[in-house]
PDB file of N, CA and C in Angstrom:
ATOM      1  N   MET A   1       4.856   9.468   7.758  1.00  0.00           N
ATOM      2  CA  MET A   1       3.865   8.817   6.908  1.00  0.00           C
ATOM      3  C   MET A   1       3.440   7.496   7.548  1.00  0.00           C
ATOM      4  N   LYS A   2       2.157   7.263   7.500  1.00  0.00           N
ATOM      5  CA  LYS A   2       1.603   6.053   8.112  1.00  0.00           C
ATOM      6  C   LYS A   2       1.766   4.844   7.204  1.00  0.00           C
ATOM      7  N   ARG A   3       1.891   3.693   7.851  1.00  0.00           N
ATOM      8  CA  ARG A   3       1.858   2.425   7.145  1.00  0.00           C
ATOM      9  C   ARG A   3       0.402   1.951   7.113  1.00  0.00           C
ATOM     10  N   TYR A   4       0.063   1.164   6.094  1.00  0.00           N
ATOM     11  CA  TYR A   4      -1.299   0.664   5.939  1.00  0.00           C
ATOM     12  C   TYR A   4      -1.263  -0.846   5.770  1.00  0.00           C
ATOM     13  N   GLU A   5      -2.250  -1.521   6.402  1.00  0.00           N
ATOM     14  CA  GLU A   5      -2.332  -2.974   6.346  1.00  0.00           C
ATOM     15  C   GLU A   5      -3.512  -3.409   5.489  1.00  0.00           C
ATOM     16  N   CYS A   6      -3.268  -4.406   4.643  1.00  0.00           N
ATOM     17  CA  CYS A   6      -4.333  -5.001   3.838  1.00  0.00           C
ATOM     18  C   CYS A   6      -5.183  -5.884   4.751  1.00  0.00           C
ATOM     19  N   LEU A   7      -6.476  -5.610   4.798  1.00  0.00           N
ATOM     20  CA  LEU A   7      -7.367  -6.384   5.655  1.00  0.00           C
ATOM     21  C   LEU A   7      -7.587  -7.791   5.108  1.00  0.00           C
ATOM     22  N   ALA A   8      -7.353  -7.991   3.829  1.00  0.00           N
ATOM     23  CA  ALA A   8      -7.580  -9.300   3.218  1.00  0.00           C
ATOM     24  C   ALA A   8      -6.441 -10.279   3.508  1.00  0.00           C
ATOM     25  N   CYS A   9      -5.183  -9.784   3.487  1.00  0.00           N
ATOM     26  CA  CYS A   9      -4.063 -10.731   3.607  1.00  0.00           C
ATOM     27  C   CYS A   9      -3.006 -10.345   4.636  1.00  0.00           C
ATOM     28  N   GLY A  10      -3.081  -9.119   5.170  1.00  0.00           N
ATOM     29  CA  GLY A  10      -2.115  -8.711   6.184  1.00  0.00           C
ATOM     30  C   GLY A  10      -0.870  -8.028   5.643  1.00  0.00           C
ATOM     31  N   TYR A  11      -0.778  -7.838   4.317  1.00  0.00           N
ATOM     32  CA  TYR A  11       0.362  -7.118   3.737  1.00  0.00           C
ATOM     33  C   TYR A  11       0.420  -5.711   4.299  1.00  0.00           C
ATOM     34  N   ILE A  12       1.620  -5.244   4.625  1.00  0.00           N
ATOM     35  CA  ILE A  12       1.809  -3.881   5.128  1.00  0.00           C
ATOM     36  C   ILE A  12       2.446  -3.033   4.032  1.00  0.00           C
ATOM     37  N   TYR A  13       1.734  -1.956   3.618  1.00  0.00           N
ATOM     38  CA  TYR A  13       2.348  -0.989   2.708  1.00  0.00           C
ATOM     39  C   TYR A  13       3.141  -0.013   3.560  1.00  0.00           C
ATOM     40  N   ASP A  14       4.448   0.025   3.329  1.00  0.00           N
ATOM     41  CA  ASP A  14       5.339   0.929   4.057  1.00  0.00           C
ATOM     42  C   ASP A  14       5.815   2.007   3.092  1.00  0.00           C
ATOM     43  N   PRO A  15       5.407   3.275   3.318  1.00  0.00           N
ATOM     44  CA  PRO A  15       5.796   4.338   2.388  1.00  0.00           C
ATOM     45  C   PRO A  15       7.303   4.535   2.288  1.00  0.00           C
ATOM     46  N   LYS A  16       8.060   4.133   3.314  1.00  0.00           N
ATOM     47  CA  LYS A  16       9.511   4.243   3.236  1.00  0.00           C
ATOM     48  C   LYS A  16      10.082   3.323   2.156  1.00  0.00           C
ATOM     49  N   LYS A  17       9.394   2.206   1.899  1.00  0.00           N
ATOM     50  CA  LYS A  17       9.846   1.229   0.904  1.00  0.00           C
ATOM     51  C   LYS A  17       9.151   1.411  -0.437  1.00  0.00           C
ATOM     52  N   GLY A  18       7.918   1.916  -0.420  1.00  0.00           N
ATOM     53  CA  GLY A  18       7.135   2.007  -1.641  1.00  0.00           C
ATOM     54  C   GLY A  18       6.755   0.619  -2.132  1.00  0.00           C
ATOM     55  N   ASP A  19       6.521   0.498  -3.427  1.00  0.00           N
ATOM     56  CA  ASP A  19       6.212  -0.790  -4.068  1.00  0.00           C
ATOM     57  C   ASP A  19       6.958  -0.808  -5.392  1.00  0.00           C
ATOM     58  N   PRO A  20       8.291  -1.048  -5.327  1.00  0.00           N
ATOM     59  CA  PRO A  20       9.121  -0.955  -6.532  1.00  0.00           C
ATOM     60  C   PRO A  20       8.640  -1.822  -7.693  1.00  0.00           C
ATOM     61  N   ASP A  21       8.075  -3.001  -7.391  1.00  0.00           N
ATOM     62  CA  ASP A  21       7.601  -3.882  -8.463  1.00  0.00           C
ATOM     63  C   ASP A  21       6.451  -3.267  -9.252  1.00  0.00           C
ATOM     64  N   ALA A  22       5.730  -2.336  -8.623  1.00  0.00           N
ATOM     65  CA  ALA A  22       4.622  -1.658  -9.293  1.00  0.00           C
ATOM     66  C   ALA A  22       5.015  -0.246  -9.739  1.00  0.00           C
ATOM     67  N   GLY A  23       6.315   0.087  -9.608  1.00  0.00           N
ATOM     68  CA  GLY A  23       6.781   1.401 -10.032  1.00  0.00           C
ATOM     69  C   GLY A  23       6.515   2.499  -9.022  1.00  0.00           C
ATOM     70  N   ILE A  24       6.214   2.119  -7.768  1.00  0.00           N
ATOM     71  CA  ILE A  24       5.955   3.107  -6.709  1.00  0.00           C
ATOM     72  C   ILE A  24       7.264   3.363  -5.967  1.00  0.00           C
ATOM     73  N   LYS A  25       7.729   4.593  -6.041  1.00  0.00           N
ATOM     74  CA  LYS A  25       9.021   4.945  -5.452  1.00  0.00           C
ATOM     75  C   LYS A  25       8.953   5.013  -3.930  1.00  0.00           C
ATOM     76  N   PRO A  26      10.068   4.695  -3.254  1.00  0.00           N
ATOM     77  CA  PRO A  26      10.126   4.900  -1.800  1.00  0.00           C
ATOM     78  C   PRO A  26       9.802   6.358  -1.473  1.00  0.00           C
ATOM     79  N   GLY A  27       9.087   6.560  -0.374  1.00  0.00           N
ATOM     80  CA  GLY A  27       8.688   7.907   0.021  1.00  0.00           C
ATOM     81  C   GLY A  27       7.305   8.283  -0.471  1.00  0.00           C
ATOM     82  N   THR A  28       6.605   7.363  -1.146  1.00  0.00           N
ATOM     83  CA  THR A  28       5.258   7.638  -1.651  1.00  0.00           C
ATOM     84  C   THR A  28       4.230   7.318  -0.574  1.00  0.00           C
ATOM     85  N   ALA A  29       3.501   8.341  -0.126  1.00  0.00           N
ATOM     86  CA  ALA A  29       2.461   8.147   0.889  1.00  0.00           C
ATOM     87  C   ALA A  29       1.331   7.298   0.314  1.00  0.00           C
ATOM     88  N   PHE A  30       0.665   6.546   1.192  1.00  0.00           N
ATOM     89  CA  PHE A  30      -0.448   5.691   0.762  1.00  0.00           C
ATOM     90  C   PHE A  30      -1.499   6.525   0.029  1.00  0.00           C
ATOM     91  N   GLU A  31      -1.773   7.710   0.540  1.00  0.00           N
ATOM     92  CA  GLU A  31      -2.784   8.585  -0.062  1.00  0.00           C
ATOM     93  C   GLU A  31      -2.406   8.998  -1.486  1.00  0.00           C
ATOM     94  N   ASP A  32      -1.108   8.956  -1.803  1.00  0.00           N
ATOM     95  CA  ASP A  32      -0.643   9.374  -3.123  1.00  0.00           C
ATOM     96  C   ASP A  32      -0.526   8.218  -4.119  1.00  0.00           C
ATOM     97  N   LEU A  33      -0.854   7.002  -3.673  1.00  0.00           N
ATOM     98  CA  LEU A  33      -0.825   5.868  -4.596  1.00  0.00           C
ATOM     99  C   LEU A  33      -1.917   6.054  -5.647  1.00  0.00           C
ATOM    100  N   PRO A  34      -1.676   5.575  -6.876  1.00  0.00           N
ATOM    101  CA  PRO A  34      -2.727   5.681  -7.906  1.00  0.00           C
ATOM    102  C   PRO A  34      -3.998   4.961  -7.461  1.00  0.00           C
ATOM    103  N   GLU A  35      -5.141   5.438  -7.929  1.00  0.00           N
ATOM    104  CA  GLU A  35      -6.419   4.822  -7.549  1.00  0.00           C
ATOM    105  C   GLU A  35      -6.493   3.357  -7.981  1.00  0.00           C
ATOM    106  N   ASP A  36      -5.774   2.993  -9.039  1.00  0.00           N
ATOM    107  CA  ASP A  36      -5.848   1.615  -9.533  1.00  0.00           C
ATOM    108  C   ASP A  36      -4.776   0.706  -8.922  1.00  0.00           C
ATOM    109  N   TRP A  37      -4.016   1.239  -7.952  1.00  0.00           N
ATOM    110  CA  TRP A  37      -3.016   0.413  -7.267  1.00  0.00           C
ATOM    111  C   TRP A  37      -3.742  -0.661  -6.465  1.00  0.00           C
ATOM    112  N   VAL A  38      -3.192  -1.877  -6.465  1.00  0.00           N
ATOM    113  CA  VAL A  38      -3.767  -2.973  -5.687  1.00  0.00           C
ATOM    114  C   VAL A  38      -2.680  -3.615  -4.832  1.00  0.00           C
ATOM    115  N   CYS A  39      -3.093  -4.337  -3.823  1.00  0.00           N
ATOM    116  CA  CYS A  39      -2.173  -5.048  -2.946  1.00  0.00           C
ATOM    117  C   CYS A  39      -1.302  -5.988  -3.775  1.00  0.00           C
ATOM    118  N   PRO A  40       0.018  -5.894  -3.621  1.00  0.00           N
ATOM    119  CA  PRO A  40       0.904  -6.756  -4.405  1.00  0.00           C
ATOM    120  C   PRO A  40       0.837  -8.230  -3.989  1.00  0.00           C
ATOM    121  N   GLU A  41       0.292  -8.510  -2.817  1.00  0.00           N
ATOM    122  CA  GLU A  41       0.195  -9.894  -2.342  1.00  0.00           C
ATOM    123  C   GLU A  41      -1.080 -10.585  -2.812  1.00  0.00           C
ATOM    124  N   CYS A  42      -2.227  -9.873  -2.713  1.00  0.00           N
ATOM    125  CA  CYS A  42      -3.506 -10.545  -2.981  1.00  0.00           C
ATOM    126  C   CYS A  42      -4.394  -9.831  -4.000  1.00  0.00           C
ATOM    127  N   GLY A  43      -3.998  -8.619  -4.430  1.00  0.00           N
ATOM    128  CA  GLY A  43      -4.783  -7.903  -5.443  1.00  0.00           C
ATOM    129  C   GLY A  43      -5.958  -7.104  -4.899  1.00  0.00           C
ATOM    130  N   ALA A  44      -6.033  -6.944  -3.572  1.00  0.00           N
ATOM    131  CA  ALA A  44      -7.133  -6.169  -2.979  1.00  0.00           C
ATOM    132  C   ALA A  44      -7.003  -4.688  -3.343  1.00  0.00           C
ATOM    133  N   ASP A  45      -8.138  -4.017  -3.460  1.00  0.00           N
ATOM    134  CA  ASP A  45      -8.166  -2.584  -3.768  1.00  0.00           C
ATOM    135  C   ASP A  45      -7.695  -1.758  -2.581  1.00  0.00           C
ATOM    136  N   LYS A  46      -7.382  -0.487  -2.848  1.00  0.00           N
ATOM    137  CA  LYS A  46      -6.907   0.421  -1.794  1.00  0.00           C
ATOM    138  C   LYS A  46      -7.895   0.543  -0.635  1.00  0.00           C
ATOM    139  N   ASP A  47      -9.187   0.418  -0.916  1.00  0.00           N
ATOM    140  CA  ASP A  47     -10.182   0.578   0.153  1.00  0.00           C
ATOM    141  C   ASP A  47     -10.209  -0.618   1.117  1.00  0.00           C
ATOM    142  N   GLU A  48      -9.417  -1.629   0.826  1.00  0.00           N
ATOM    143  CA  GLU A  48      -9.298  -2.786   1.716  1.00  0.00           C
ATOM    144  C   GLU A  48      -8.164  -2.616   2.727  1.00  0.00           C
ATOM    145  N   PHE A  49      -7.562  -1.429   2.778  1.00  0.00           N
ATOM    146  CA  PHE A  49      -6.442  -1.151   3.674  1.00  0.00           C
ATOM    147  C   PHE A  49      -6.886  -0.229   4.802  1.00  0.00           C
ATOM    148  N   GLU A  50      -6.244  -0.385   5.965  1.00  0.00           N
ATOM    149  CA  GLU A  50      -6.479   0.548   7.068  1.00  0.00           C
ATOM    150  C   GLU A  50      -5.145   0.930   7.688  1.00  0.00           C
ATOM    151  N   PRO A  51      -5.078   2.124   8.291  1.00  0.00           N
ATOM    152  CA  PRO A  51      -3.816   2.593   8.897  1.00  0.00           C
ATOM    153  C   PRO A  51      -3.363   1.674  10.029  1.00  0.00           C
ATOM    154  N   VAL A  52      -2.058   1.533  10.153  1.00  0.00           N
ATOM    155  CA  VAL A  52      -1.447   0.762  11.237  1.00  0.00           C
ATOM    156  C   VAL A  52      -0.815   1.752  12.204  1.00  0.00           C
ATOM    157  N   GLU A  53      -1.102   1.584  13.486  1.00  0.00           N
ATOM    158  CA  GLU A  53      -0.516   2.477  14.495  1.00  0.00           C
ATOM    159  C   GLU A  53       0.899   2.039  14.827  1.00  0.00           C
TER     160      GLU A  53
END
């Protein structure tokens, strides 16, 4: 599973870690995040993220 970086603040969403504070379990792919999920650092929408190589 790919990691994704927030273009607004540089936060990296790592599917291995998930986003426990938002109820996202480890192992959740970025594509499987709810549409209303936002960056936990700055509140940017999912469309503000791009894959990290």
